[in-house]
């Protein structure tokens, strides 16, 4: 159970955080720190502003990151207006970096390729299209790389029973074929493709889509291309439900709990705006100032502490130079 739930990974991270922030943690106790740390793991907020190596370390971390990205930026697709929730892939990458500063650009590009052609990478994507494609590419990244290697070997006529271990991501970077290319037959035989994927899922140590859903998807087709397969994965609601990180596409922009919190914030801001409106005489001296209590975070991500230390060192250097 401990190995399946990656308990050791979280214990090591908790101890690392404890040692890194021991001066702050000593003020309120180690027991409280561990309680709040594992509560954050349970709630899925432990991945906020963390390094990518930690974000992708466990399936729970990946699902938590997907859920957090959806909850934070679903209004991009929900709000209409001039752009109607449509962005290009670099803009989606910027949103990802707001949650994970070192999120790799290559991963965002791969997700965009599921939606777009290679020669259409500058086109815009809806939030829902990008999100479900990103879910497949991010959560099942090792599986997708292995599938790319299998697909290339099938195209080359190699033995499908050979154990295939991808050594790089170059297989997924191949030129994507256009639907109107006159090079029949396109893709590989779907039944043979499924046999290889079934064997891959049985022996893999990383997350894979349910074999039953893959079988249902591939038995309904005679031939399948690599990107056609990824598009089918992204659109399959059964796989989305099995993963459990995102709601169904019809409920993608519904989040009552978050909406309630946003309404509270809007009400507070409106109240402050009304109370802070200057009088007709232009006298601003009587504007009430709201002093909200400052709540210190029980623990800080490692890179936050390092950033604070770097800033403090820089300020000391400036002080020393000014004294000289």
C-alpha atoms as a PDB file:
ATOM      1  CA  UNK A   1       0.000   0.000   0.000  1.00  0.00           C
ATOM      2  CA  UNK A   2       2.801   2.423   0.910  1.00  0.00           C
ATOM      3  CA  UNK A   3       4.508   1.874  -2.437  1.00  0.00           C
ATOM      4  CA  UNK A   4       1.250   2.151  -4.386  1.00  0.00           C
ATOM      5  CA  UNK A   5       0.349   5.436  -2.708  1.00  0.00           C
ATOM      6  CA  UNK A   6       3.934   6.762  -2.890  1.00  0.00           C
ATOM      7  CA  UNK A   7       3.980   7.391   0.851  1.00  0.00           C
ATOM      8  CA  UNK A   8       7.780   7.440   0.927  1.00  0.00           C
ATOM      9  CA  UNK A   9       7.850  10.225  -1.674  1.00  0.00           C
ATOM     10  CA  UNK A  10       5.681  12.453   0.506  1.00  0.00           C
ATOM     11  CA  UNK A  11       7.557  11.580   3.698  1.00  0.00           C
ATOM     12  CA  UNK A  12      10.856  12.516   2.075  1.00  0.00           C
ATOM     13  CA  UNK A  13       9.400  15.770   0.766  1.00  0.00           C
ATOM     14  CA  UNK A  14       7.857  16.596   4.151  1.00  0.00           C
ATOM     15  CA  UNK A  15      11.159  16.021   5.954  1.00  0.00           C
ATOM     16  CA  UNK A  16      12.971  18.099   3.343  1.00  0.00           C
ATOM     17  CA  UNK A  17      10.494  20.952   3.843  1.00  0.00           C
ATOM     18  CA  UNK A  18      10.841  20.593   7.596  1.00  0.00           C
ATOM     19  CA  UNK A  19      14.626  20.895   7.512  1.00  0.00           C
ATOM     20  CA  UNK A  20      14.546  23.758   5.044  1.00  0.00           C
ATOM     21  CA  UNK A  21      12.070  25.778   7.124  1.00  0.00           C
ATOM     22  CA  UNK A  22      12.929  24.546  10.621  1.00  0.00           C
ATOM     23  CA  UNK A  23      13.266  28.059  12.059  1.00  0.00           C
ATOM     24  CA  UNK A  24       9.733  29.037  11.035  1.00  0.00           C
ATOM     25  CA  UNK A  25       8.247  25.643  11.898  1.00  0.00           C
ATOM     26  CA  UNK A  26       9.718  25.690  15.411  1.00  0.00           C
ATOM     27  CA  UNK A  27       7.305  28.508  16.274  1.00  0.00           C
ATOM     28  CA  UNK A  28       4.207  26.318  16.008  1.00  0.00           C
ATOM     29  CA  UNK A  29       5.501  22.756  16.281  1.00  0.00           C
ATOM     30  CA  UNK A  30       6.435  19.791  14.146  1.00  0.00           C
ATOM     31  CA  UNK A  31       3.144  17.953  14.719  1.00  0.00           C
ATOM     32  CA  UNK A  32       1.137  20.833  13.288  1.00  0.00           C
ATOM     33  CA  UNK A  33       3.485  21.030  10.294  1.00  0.00           C
ATOM     34  CA  UNK A  34       3.015  17.364   9.387  1.00  0.00           C
ATOM     35  CA  UNK A  35      -0.740  17.652   9.889  1.00  0.00           C
ATOM     36  CA  UNK A  36      -1.034  20.604   7.550  1.00  0.00           C
ATOM     37  CA  UNK A  37       1.401  19.132   5.030  1.00  0.00           C
ATOM     38  CA  UNK A  38      -0.555  15.902   4.619  1.00  0.00           C
ATOM     39  CA  UNK A  39      -3.850  17.787   4.627  1.00  0.00           C
ATOM     40  CA  UNK A  40      -2.527  19.749   1.658  1.00  0.00           C
ATOM     41  CA  UNK A  41      -1.545  16.467  -0.038  1.00  0.00           C
ATOM     42  CA  UNK A  42      -5.046  15.122   0.518  1.00  0.00           C
ATOM     43  CA  UNK A  43      -6.644  18.316  -0.826  1.00  0.00           C
ATOM     44  CA  UNK A  44      -4.287  18.476  -3.809  1.00  0.00           C
ATOM     45  CA  UNK A  45      -2.889  21.929  -3.045  1.00  0.00           C
ATOM     46  CA  UNK A  46       0.594  20.643  -2.201  1.00  0.00           C
ATOM     47  CA  UNK A  47       1.749  20.998  -5.826  1.00  0.00           C
ATOM     48  CA  UNK A  48       1.182  24.765  -6.031  1.00  0.00           C
ATOM     49  CA  UNK A  49       4.320  26.661  -7.110  1.00  0.00           C
ATOM     50  CA  UNK A  50       6.471  23.569  -6.733  1.00  0.00           C
ATOM     51  CA  UNK A  51       9.239  22.423  -9.079  1.00  0.00           C
ATOM     52  CA  UNK A  52       8.237  20.265 -12.045  1.00  0.00           C
ATOM     53  CA  UNK A  53      10.162  17.241 -10.789  1.00  0.00           C
ATOM     54  CA  UNK A  54       7.844  17.137  -7.780  1.00  0.00           C
ATOM     55  CA  UNK A  55       4.676  17.952  -9.748  1.00  0.00           C
ATOM     56  CA  UNK A  56       5.166  14.912 -11.966  1.00  0.00           C
ATOM     57  CA  UNK A  57       6.579  12.627  -9.249  1.00  0.00           C
ATOM     58  CA  UNK A  58       3.363  10.679  -8.537  1.00  0.00           C
ATOM     59  CA  UNK A  59       0.003  10.057 -10.248  1.00  0.00           C
ATOM     60  CA  UNK A  60      -1.725  11.912  -7.402  1.00  0.00           C
ATOM     61  CA  UNK A  61       0.508  14.934  -7.984  1.00  0.00           C
ATOM     62  CA  UNK A  62      -0.282  14.905 -11.687  1.00  0.00           C
ATOM     63  CA  UNK A  63      -4.022  14.610 -11.108  1.00  0.00           C
ATOM     64  CA  UNK A  64      -3.840  17.394  -8.498  1.00  0.00           C
ATOM     65  CA  UNK A  65      -2.011  19.660 -10.934  1.00  0.00           C
ATOM     66  CA  UNK A  66      -4.585  19.003 -13.664  1.00  0.00           C
ATOM     67  CA  UNK A  67      -7.448  19.739 -11.275  1.00  0.00           C
ATOM     68  CA  UNK A  68      -5.766  22.904  -9.990  1.00  0.00           C
ATOM     69  CA  UNK A  69      -5.054  24.163 -13.515  1.00  0.00           C
ATOM     70  CA  UNK A  70      -8.697  23.608 -14.463  1.00  0.00           C
ATOM     71  CA  UNK A  71     -10.070  25.297 -11.351  1.00  0.00           C
ATOM     72  CA  UNK A  72      -7.750  28.300 -11.605  1.00  0.00           C
ATOM     73  CA  UNK A  73      -8.187  29.014 -15.303  1.00  0.00           C
ATOM     74  CA  UNK A  74     -11.573  27.592 -16.286  1.00  0.00           C
ATOM     75  CA  UNK A  75     -12.839  31.176 -16.540  1.00  0.00           C
ATOM     76  CA  UNK A  76     -10.557  31.546 -19.573  1.00  0.00           C
ATOM     77  CA  UNK A  77     -12.978  29.307 -21.430  1.00  0.00           C
ATOM     78  CA  UNK A  78     -16.103  30.251 -19.488  1.00  0.00           C
ATOM     79  CA  UNK A  79     -16.003  33.967 -20.234  1.00  0.00           C
ATOM     80  CA  UNK A  80     -17.113  35.011 -23.684  1.00  0.00           C
ATOM     81  CA  UNK A  81     -16.264  38.305 -25.220  1.00  0.00           C
ATOM     82  CA  UNK A  82     -13.779  39.169 -27.918  1.00  0.00           C
ATOM     83  CA  UNK A  83     -11.607  36.072 -27.673  1.00  0.00           C
ATOM     84  CA  UNK A  84     -14.221  33.579 -26.401  1.00  0.00           C
ATOM     85  CA  UNK A  85     -11.731  31.619 -24.341  1.00  0.00           C
ATOM     86  CA  UNK A  86      -9.389  30.837 -27.245  1.00  0.00           C
ATOM     87  CA  UNK A  87      -5.621  31.092 -26.827  1.00  0.00           C
ATOM     88  CA  UNK A  88      -2.471  29.977 -28.613  1.00  0.00           C
ATOM     89  CA  UNK A  89      -0.228  27.367 -27.029  1.00  0.00           C
ATOM     90  CA  UNK A  90       2.412  29.845 -25.683  1.00  0.00           C
ATOM     91  CA  UNK A  91      -0.362  31.594 -23.754  1.00  0.00           C
ATOM     92  CA  UNK A  92      -1.483  28.287 -22.226  1.00  0.00           C
ATOM     93  CA  UNK A  93       2.139  27.618 -21.359  1.00  0.00           C
ATOM     94  CA  UNK A  94       2.301  30.925 -19.486  1.00  0.00           C
ATOM     95  CA  UNK A  95      -0.747  29.866 -17.477  1.00  0.00           C
ATOM     96  CA  UNK A  96       0.955  26.560 -16.616  1.00  0.00           C
ATOM     97  CA  UNK A  97       4.054  28.431 -15.476  1.00  0.00           C
ATOM     98  CA  UNK A  98       1.974  30.502 -13.074  1.00  0.00           C
ATOM     99  CA  UNK A  99       1.415  27.259 -11.142  1.00  0.00           C
ATOM    100  CA  UNK A 100       4.757  25.592 -11.890  1.00  0.00           C
ATOM    101  CA  UNK A 101       7.491  28.118 -12.806  1.00  0.00           C
ATOM    102  CA  UNK A 102       9.790  25.571 -14.482  1.00  0.00           C
ATOM    103  CA  UNK A 103       7.082  23.707 -16.390  1.00  0.00           C
ATOM    104  CA  UNK A 104       8.751  22.469 -19.611  1.00  0.00           C
ATOM    105  CA  UNK A 105       7.678  24.134 -22.833  1.00  0.00           C
ATOM    106  CA  UNK A 106       8.156  20.889 -24.766  1.00  0.00           C
ATOM    107  CA  UNK A 107       5.307  19.245 -22.871  1.00  0.00           C
ATOM    108  CA  UNK A 108       2.940  22.093 -23.735  1.00  0.00           C
ATOM    109  CA  UNK A 109       3.934  21.867 -27.394  1.00  0.00           C
ATOM    110  CA  UNK A 110       3.248  18.134 -27.457  1.00  0.00           C
ATOM    111  CA  UNK A 111      -0.227  18.716 -26.043  1.00  0.00           C
ATOM    112  CA  UNK A 112      -0.866  21.370 -28.686  1.00  0.00           C
ATOM    113  CA  UNK A 113       0.177  18.957 -31.450  1.00  0.00           C
ATOM    114  CA  UNK A 114      -2.665  16.640 -30.431  1.00  0.00           C
ATOM    115  CA  UNK A 115      -5.116  19.419 -31.298  1.00  0.00           C
ATOM    116  CA  UNK A 116      -3.268  21.120 -34.161  1.00  0.00           C
ATOM    117  CA  UNK A 117      -1.248  20.137 -37.200  1.00  0.00           C
ATOM    118  CA  UNK A 118       2.503  20.755 -37.173  1.00  0.00           C
ATOM    119  CA  UNK A 119       2.078  23.554 -39.701  1.00  0.00           C
ATOM    120  CA  UNK A 120      -0.805  25.077 -37.720  1.00  0.00           C
ATOM    121  CA  UNK A 121       0.925  25.460 -34.357  1.00  0.00           C
ATOM    122  CA  UNK A 122       0.308  29.207 -34.439  1.00  0.00           C
ATOM    123  CA  UNK A 123      -3.463  28.707 -34.506  1.00  0.00           C
ATOM    124  CA  UNK A 124      -5.719  29.259 -31.516  1.00  0.00           C
ATOM    125  CA  UNK A 125      -7.243  26.497 -29.366  1.00  0.00           C
ATOM    126  CA  UNK A 126     -10.248  26.494 -27.119  1.00  0.00           C
ATOM    127  CA  UNK A 127      -9.589  25.935 -23.433  1.00  0.00           C
ATOM    128  CA  UNK A 128     -11.494  22.649 -23.401  1.00  0.00           C
ATOM    129  CA  UNK A 129      -9.637  21.237 -26.420  1.00  0.00           C
ATOM    130  CA  UNK A 130      -6.266  22.109 -24.936  1.00  0.00           C
ATOM    131  CA  UNK A 131      -7.172  20.921 -21.451  1.00  0.00           C
ATOM    132  CA  UNK A 132      -8.248  17.405 -22.432  1.00  0.00           C
ATOM    133  CA  UNK A 133      -5.294  17.005 -24.803  1.00  0.00           C
ATOM    134  CA  UNK A 134      -2.958  18.257 -22.086  1.00  0.00           C
ATOM    135  CA  UNK A 135      -4.459  15.782 -19.639  1.00  0.00           C
ATOM    136  CA  UNK A 136      -3.466  12.839 -21.861  1.00  0.00           C
ATOM    137  CA  UNK A 137      -0.004  14.187 -22.647  1.00  0.00           C
ATOM    138  CA  UNK A 138       0.819  15.131 -19.050  1.00  0.00           C
ATOM    139  CA  UNK A 139      -0.744  12.366 -16.982  1.00  0.00           C
ATOM    140  CA  UNK A 140       0.156   9.547 -19.387  1.00  0.00           C
ATOM    141  CA  UNK A 141       3.443  11.036 -20.638  1.00  0.00           C
ATOM    142  CA  UNK A 142       5.495   7.822 -20.345  1.00  0.00           C
ATOM    143  CA  UNK A 143       2.706   5.811 -21.946  1.00  0.00           C
ATOM    144  CA  UNK A 144       2.457   8.273 -24.852  1.00  0.00           C
ATOM    145  CA  UNK A 145       6.214   8.100 -25.478  1.00  0.00           C
ATOM    146  CA  UNK A 146       6.102   4.294 -25.528  1.00  0.00           C
ATOM    147  CA  UNK A 147       3.104   4.330 -27.878  1.00  0.00           C
ATOM    148  CA  UNK A 148       5.017   6.642 -30.245  1.00  0.00           C
ATOM    149  CA  UNK A 149       7.909   4.166 -30.345  1.00  0.00           C
ATOM    150  CA  UNK A 150       5.547   1.219 -30.911  1.00  0.00           C
ATOM    151  CA  UNK A 151       3.774   3.049 -33.715  1.00  0.00           C
ATOM    152  CA  UNK A 152       7.026   3.866 -35.493  1.00  0.00           C
ATOM    153  CA  UNK A 153       8.160   0.242 -35.249  1.00  0.00           C
ATOM    154  CA  UNK A 154       4.849  -0.987 -36.660  1.00  0.00           C
ATOM    155  CA  UNK A 155       5.206   1.424 -39.566  1.00  0.00           C
ATOM    156  CA  UNK A 156       8.683   0.022 -40.177  1.00  0.00           C
ATOM    157  CA  UNK A 157       7.341  -3.535 -40.125  1.00  0.00           C
ATOM    158  CA  UNK A 158       9.207  -4.614 -37.002  1.00  0.00           C
ATOM    159  CA  UNK A 159       8.095  -7.460 -34.742  1.00  0.00           C
ATOM    160  CA  UNK A 160       5.248  -6.132 -32.592  1.00  0.00           C
ATOM    161  CA  UNK A 161       6.092  -8.582 -29.796  1.00  0.00           C
ATOM    162  CA  UNK A 162       9.497  -6.982 -29.247  1.00  0.00           C
ATOM    163  CA  UNK A 163       9.816  -5.098 -25.968  1.00  0.00           C
ATOM    164  CA  UNK A 164      10.059  -1.446 -26.941  1.00  0.00           C
ATOM    165  CA  UNK A 165      11.673   1.069 -24.616  1.00  0.00           C
ATOM    166  CA  UNK A 166      11.730   4.641 -25.955  1.00  0.00           C
ATOM    167  CA  UNK A 167      15.120   6.280 -25.509  1.00  0.00           C
ATOM    168  CA  UNK A 168      14.009   9.772 -26.412  1.00  0.00           C
ATOM    169  CA  UNK A 169      10.956  11.810 -27.273  1.00  0.00           C
ATOM    170  CA  UNK A 170      11.956  12.083 -30.927  1.00  0.00           C
ATOM    171  CA  UNK A 171       9.332   9.541 -31.992  1.00  0.00           C
ATOM    172  CA  UNK A 172       6.523  11.874 -31.010  1.00  0.00           C
ATOM    173  CA  UNK A 173       8.168  14.782 -32.850  1.00  0.00           C
ATOM    174  CA  UNK A 174       7.751  13.237 -36.274  1.00  0.00           C
ATOM    175  CA  UNK A 175       5.893  15.214 -38.920  1.00  0.00           C
ATOM    176  CA  UNK A 176       2.172  14.780 -38.437  1.00  0.00           C
ATOM    177  CA  UNK A 177       0.400  13.642 -41.595  1.00  0.00           C
ATOM    178  CA  UNK A 178      -2.478  15.627 -43.022  1.00  0.00           C
ATOM    179  CA  UNK A 179      -5.798  13.848 -43.465  1.00  0.00           C
ATOM    180  CA  UNK A 180      -5.732  14.630 -47.197  1.00  0.00           C
ATOM    181  CA  UNK A 181      -2.261  13.193 -47.862  1.00  0.00           C
ATOM    182  CA  UNK A 182      -2.367  10.792 -50.794  1.00  0.00           C
ATOM    183  CA  UNK A 183      -0.239   8.075 -49.207  1.00  0.00           C
ATOM    184  CA  UNK A 184      -2.597   5.118 -48.610  1.00  0.00           C
ATOM    185  CA  UNK A 185      -2.855   3.198 -46.459  1.00  0.00           C
ATOM    186  CA  UNK A 186      -2.516   5.659 -43.608  1.00  0.00           C
ATOM    187  CA  UNK A 187      -1.648   4.501 -40.113  1.00  0.00           C
ATOM    188  CA  UNK A 188      -1.293   0.931 -38.861  1.00  0.00           C
ATOM    189  CA  UNK A 189      -3.676  -1.959 -38.474  1.00  0.00           C
ATOM    190  CA  UNK A 190      -5.822  -1.199 -35.428  1.00  0.00           C
ATOM    191  CA  UNK A 191      -6.071  -4.783 -34.142  1.00  0.00           C
ATOM    192  CA  UNK A 192      -2.308  -5.267 -34.244  1.00  0.00           C
ATOM    193  CA  UNK A 193      -1.836  -1.865 -32.643  1.00  0.00           C
ATOM    194  CA  UNK A 194      -4.118  -2.871 -29.769  1.00  0.00           C
ATOM    195  CA  UNK A 195      -2.222  -6.128 -29.190  1.00  0.00           C
ATOM    196  CA  UNK A 196       0.981  -4.137 -28.739  1.00  0.00           C
ATOM    197  CA  UNK A 197      -0.704  -1.631 -26.420  1.00  0.00           C
ATOM    198  CA  UNK A 198      -2.268  -4.391 -24.342  1.00  0.00           C
ATOM    199  CA  UNK A 199       1.168  -5.947 -23.852  1.00  0.00           C
ATOM    200  CA  UNK A 200       2.575  -2.515 -22.986  1.00  0.00           C
ATOM    201  CA  UNK A 201      -0.094  -1.897 -20.325  1.00  0.00           C
ATOM    202  CA  UNK A 202       0.453  -5.340 -18.780  1.00  0.00           C
ATOM    203  CA  UNK A 203       4.180  -4.873 -18.272  1.00  0.00           C
ATOM    204  CA  UNK A 204       4.415  -1.131 -17.623  1.00  0.00           C
ATOM    205  CA  UNK A 205       5.154   0.337 -14.208  1.00  0.00           C
ATOM    206  CA  UNK A 206       3.654   3.713 -15.012  1.00  0.00           C
ATOM    207  CA  UNK A 207       0.097   4.919 -15.503  1.00  0.00           C
ATOM    208  CA  UNK A 208      -1.763   3.639 -18.563  1.00  0.00           C
ATOM    209  CA  UNK A 209      -5.375   4.058 -19.735  1.00  0.00           C
ATOM    210  CA  UNK A 210      -7.671   1.100 -18.939  1.00  0.00           C
ATOM    211  CA  UNK A 211      -7.103  -1.730 -21.435  1.00  0.00           C
ATOM    212  CA  UNK A 212     -10.851  -2.316 -21.811  1.00  0.00           C
ATOM    213  CA  UNK A 213     -11.348   1.259 -23.029  1.00  0.00           C
ATOM    214  CA  UNK A 214      -8.403   0.986 -25.421  1.00  0.00           C
ATOM    215  CA  UNK A 215      -9.874  -2.216 -26.838  1.00  0.00           C
ATOM    216  CA  UNK A 216     -13.265  -0.603 -27.330  1.00  0.00           C
ATOM    217  CA  UNK A 217     -11.642   2.348 -29.056  1.00  0.00           C
ATOM    218  CA  UNK A 218      -9.451   0.340 -31.439  1.00  0.00           C
ATOM    219  CA  UNK A 219     -11.841  -2.483 -32.310  1.00  0.00           C
ATOM    220  CA  UNK A 220     -14.165   0.048 -33.911  1.00  0.00           C
ATOM    221  CA  UNK A 221     -11.483   1.072 -36.431  1.00  0.00           C
ATOM    222  CA  UNK A 222      -9.603  -0.746 -39.167  1.00  0.00           C
ATOM    223  CA  UNK A 223      -6.526   1.466 -39.173  1.00  0.00           C
ATOM    224  CA  UNK A 224      -5.235   4.056 -36.723  1.00  0.00           C
ATOM    225  CA  UNK A 225      -2.683   6.841 -36.882  1.00  0.00           C
ATOM    226  CA  UNK A 226      -0.634   7.921 -33.879  1.00  0.00           C
ATOM    227  CA  UNK A 227      -2.220  11.355 -33.545  1.00  0.00           C
ATOM    228  CA  UNK A 228      -5.627   9.944 -34.373  1.00  0.00           C
ATOM    229  CA  UNK A 229      -5.157   7.660 -31.390  1.00  0.00           C
ATOM    230  CA  UNK A 230      -4.178  10.559 -29.108  1.00  0.00           C
ATOM    231  CA  UNK A 231      -7.181  12.598 -30.277  1.00  0.00           C
ATOM    232  CA  UNK A 232      -9.448   9.639 -29.518  1.00  0.00           C
ATOM    233  CA  UNK A 233      -7.916   9.354 -26.030  1.00  0.00           C
ATOM    234  CA  UNK A 234      -8.454  13.066 -25.375  1.00  0.00           C
ATOM    235  CA  UNK A 235     -12.106  12.895 -26.444  1.00  0.00           C
ATOM    236  CA  UNK A 236     -12.981   9.648 -24.648  1.00  0.00           C
ATOM    237  CA  UNK A 237     -15.133  10.455 -21.605  1.00  0.00           C
ATOM    238  CA  UNK A 238     -14.585   6.964 -20.179  1.00  0.00           C
ATOM    239  CA  UNK A 239     -10.842   7.590 -19.927  1.00  0.00           C
ATOM    240  CA  UNK A 240     -11.501  11.017 -18.436  1.00  0.00           C
ATOM    241  CA  UNK A 241     -13.759   9.485 -15.785  1.00  0.00           C
ATOM    242  CA  UNK A 242     -11.254   6.704 -15.052  1.00  0.00           C
ATOM    243  CA  UNK A 243      -8.536   9.287 -14.468  1.00  0.00           C
ATOM    244  CA  UNK A 244     -10.839  11.338 -12.238  1.00  0.00           C
ATOM    245  CA  UNK A 245      -9.022  14.672 -12.356  1.00  0.00           C
ATOM    246  CA  UNK A 246     -11.392  16.662 -14.583  1.00  0.00           C
ATOM    247  CA  UNK A 247     -15.184  16.798 -14.891  1.00  0.00           C
ATOM    248  CA  UNK A 248     -17.051  15.764 -18.019  1.00  0.00           C
ATOM    249  CA  UNK A 249     -16.789  18.209 -20.878  1.00  0.00           C
ATOM    250  CA  UNK A 250     -20.375  19.377 -20.344  1.00  0.00           C
ATOM    251  CA  UNK A 251     -19.563  20.332 -16.738  1.00  0.00           C
ATOM    252  CA  UNK A 252     -16.129  21.776 -17.464  1.00  0.00           C
ATOM    253  CA  UNK A 253     -17.078  25.340 -16.581  1.00  0.00           C
ATOM    254  CA  UNK A 254     -19.119  24.442 -13.497  1.00  0.00           C
ATOM    255  CA  UNK A 255     -17.479  24.620 -10.099  1.00  0.00           C
ATOM    256  CA  UNK A 256     -20.011  25.723  -7.468  1.00  0.00           C
ATOM    257  CA  UNK A 257     -17.526  25.708  -4.589  1.00  0.00           C
ATOM    258  CA  UNK A 258     -15.079  27.941  -6.431  1.00  0.00           C
ATOM    259  CA  UNK A 259     -17.876  30.184  -7.704  1.00  0.00           C
ATOM    260  CA  UNK A 260     -19.072  30.673  -4.130  1.00  0.00           C
ATOM    261  CA  UNK A 261     -15.586  31.679  -3.012  1.00  0.00           C
ATOM    262  CA  UNK A 262     -15.271  34.099  -5.928  1.00  0.00           C
ATOM    263  CA  UNK A 263     -18.639  35.650  -5.078  1.00  0.00           C
ATOM    264  CA  UNK A 264     -17.448  36.223  -1.515  1.00  0.00           C
ATOM    265  CA  UNK A 265     -14.282  37.907  -2.768  1.00  0.00           C
ATOM    266  CA  UNK A 266     -16.234  40.094  -5.175  1.00  0.00           C
ATOM    267  CA  UNK A 267     -18.621  41.084  -2.376  1.00  0.00           C
ATOM    268  CA  UNK A 268     -15.687  41.993  -0.115  1.00  0.00           C
ATOM    269  CA  UNK A 269     -14.026  44.065  -2.844  1.00  0.00           C
ATOM    270  CA  UNK A 270     -17.325  45.787  -3.640  1.00  0.00           C
ATOM    271  CA  UNK A 271     -17.844  46.564   0.028  1.00  0.00           C
ATOM    272  CA  UNK A 272     -14.389  48.084   0.289  1.00  0.00           C
ATOM    273  CA  UNK A 273     -14.987  50.098  -2.871  1.00  0.00           C
ATOM    274  CA  UNK A 274     -18.260  51.501  -1.546  1.00  0.00           C
ATOM    275  CA  UNK A 275     -16.844  52.350   1.854  1.00  0.00           C
ATOM    276  CA  UNK A 276     -13.770  53.883   0.288  1.00  0.00           C
ATOM    277  CA  UNK A 277     -15.595  56.236  -2.113  1.00  0.00           C
ATOM    278  CA  UNK A 278     -14.422  59.821  -1.471  1.00  0.00           C
ATOM    279  CA  UNK A 279     -16.974  62.478  -0.564  1.00  0.00           C
ATOM    280  CA  UNK A 280     -18.203  65.030  -3.058  1.00  0.00           C
ATOM    281  CA  UNK A 281     -15.957  67.657  -1.477  1.00  0.00           C
ATOM    282  CA  UNK A 282     -12.931  65.682  -2.601  1.00  0.00           C
ATOM    283  CA  UNK A 283     -11.767  65.092   0.966  1.00  0.00           C
ATOM    284  CA  UNK A 284      -9.942  61.767   1.003  1.00  0.00           C
ATOM    285  CA  UNK A 285      -8.688  62.025   4.567  1.00  0.00           C
ATOM    286  CA  UNK A 286     -11.711  60.190   5.958  1.00  0.00           C
ATOM    287  CA  UNK A 287     -11.431  57.130   3.704  1.00  0.00           C
ATOM    288  CA  UNK A 288     -11.605  54.135   6.011  1.00  0.00           C
ATOM    289  CA  UNK A 289      -8.708  51.717   5.824  1.00  0.00           C
ATOM    290  CA  UNK A 290      -9.414  48.055   6.384  1.00  0.00           C
ATOM    291  CA  UNK A 291      -6.721  46.325   8.376  1.00  0.00           C
ATOM    292  CA  UNK A 292      -7.006  42.643   7.587  1.00  0.00           C
ATOM    293  CA  UNK A 293      -5.064  40.278   9.817  1.00  0.00           C
ATOM    294  CA  UNK A 294      -1.987  38.813   8.185  1.00  0.00           C
ATOM    295  CA  UNK A 295      -1.944  35.043   8.252  1.00  0.00           C
ATOM    296  CA  UNK A 296       1.445  33.456   7.873  1.00  0.00           C
ATOM    297  CA  UNK A 297       1.687  30.304   5.815  1.00  0.00           C
ATOM    298  CA  UNK A 298       2.592  27.271   7.947  1.00  0.00           C
ATOM    299  CA  UNK A 299       5.248  26.216   5.448  1.00  0.00           C
ATOM    300  CA  UNK A 300       6.785  27.531   2.249  1.00  0.00           C
ATOM    301  CA  UNK A 301       7.895  25.706  -0.870  1.00  0.00           C
ATOM    302  CA  UNK A 302      11.642  25.325  -1.128  1.00  0.00           C
ATOM    303  CA  UNK A 303      12.101  27.725  -4.031  1.00  0.00           C
ATOM    304  CA  UNK A 304      10.233  30.471  -2.138  1.00  0.00           C
ATOM    305  CA  UNK A 305      12.725  30.255   0.709  1.00  0.00           C
ATOM    306  CA  UNK A 306      15.674  30.294  -1.658  1.00  0.00           C
ATOM    307  CA  UNK A 307      14.247  33.312  -3.461  1.00  0.00           C
ATOM    308  CA  UNK A 308      13.869  35.171  -0.155  1.00  0.00           C
ATOM    309  CA  UNK A 309      17.433  34.301   0.822  1.00  0.00           C
ATOM    310  CA  UNK A 310      18.750  35.489  -2.546  1.00  0.00           C
ATOM    311  CA  UNK A 311      16.880  38.787  -2.234  1.00  0.00           C
ATOM    312  CA  UNK A 312      18.182  39.329   1.299  1.00  0.00           C
ATOM    313  CA  UNK A 313      21.744  38.655   0.167  1.00  0.00           C
ATOM    314  CA  UNK A 314      21.323  41.121  -2.689  1.00  0.00           C
ATOM    315  CA  UNK A 315      20.032  43.804  -0.322  1.00  0.00           C
ATOM    316  CA  UNK A 316      23.028  43.278   1.993  1.00  0.00           C
ATOM    317  CA  UNK A 317      25.414  43.753  -0.944  1.00  0.00           C
ATOM    318  CA  UNK A 318      23.712  47.025  -1.842  1.00  0.00           C
ATOM    319  CA  UNK A 319      23.964  48.229   1.744  1.00  0.00           C
ATOM    320  CA  UNK A 320      27.638  47.371   1.926  1.00  0.00           C
ATOM    321  CA  UNK A 321      28.399  49.173  -1.318  1.00  0.00           C
ATOM    322  CA  UNK A 322      26.515  52.274  -0.179  1.00  0.00           C
ATOM    323  CA  UNK A 323      28.464  52.376   3.067  1.00  0.00           C
ATOM    324  CA  UNK A 324      31.749  52.212   1.162  1.00  0.00           C
END
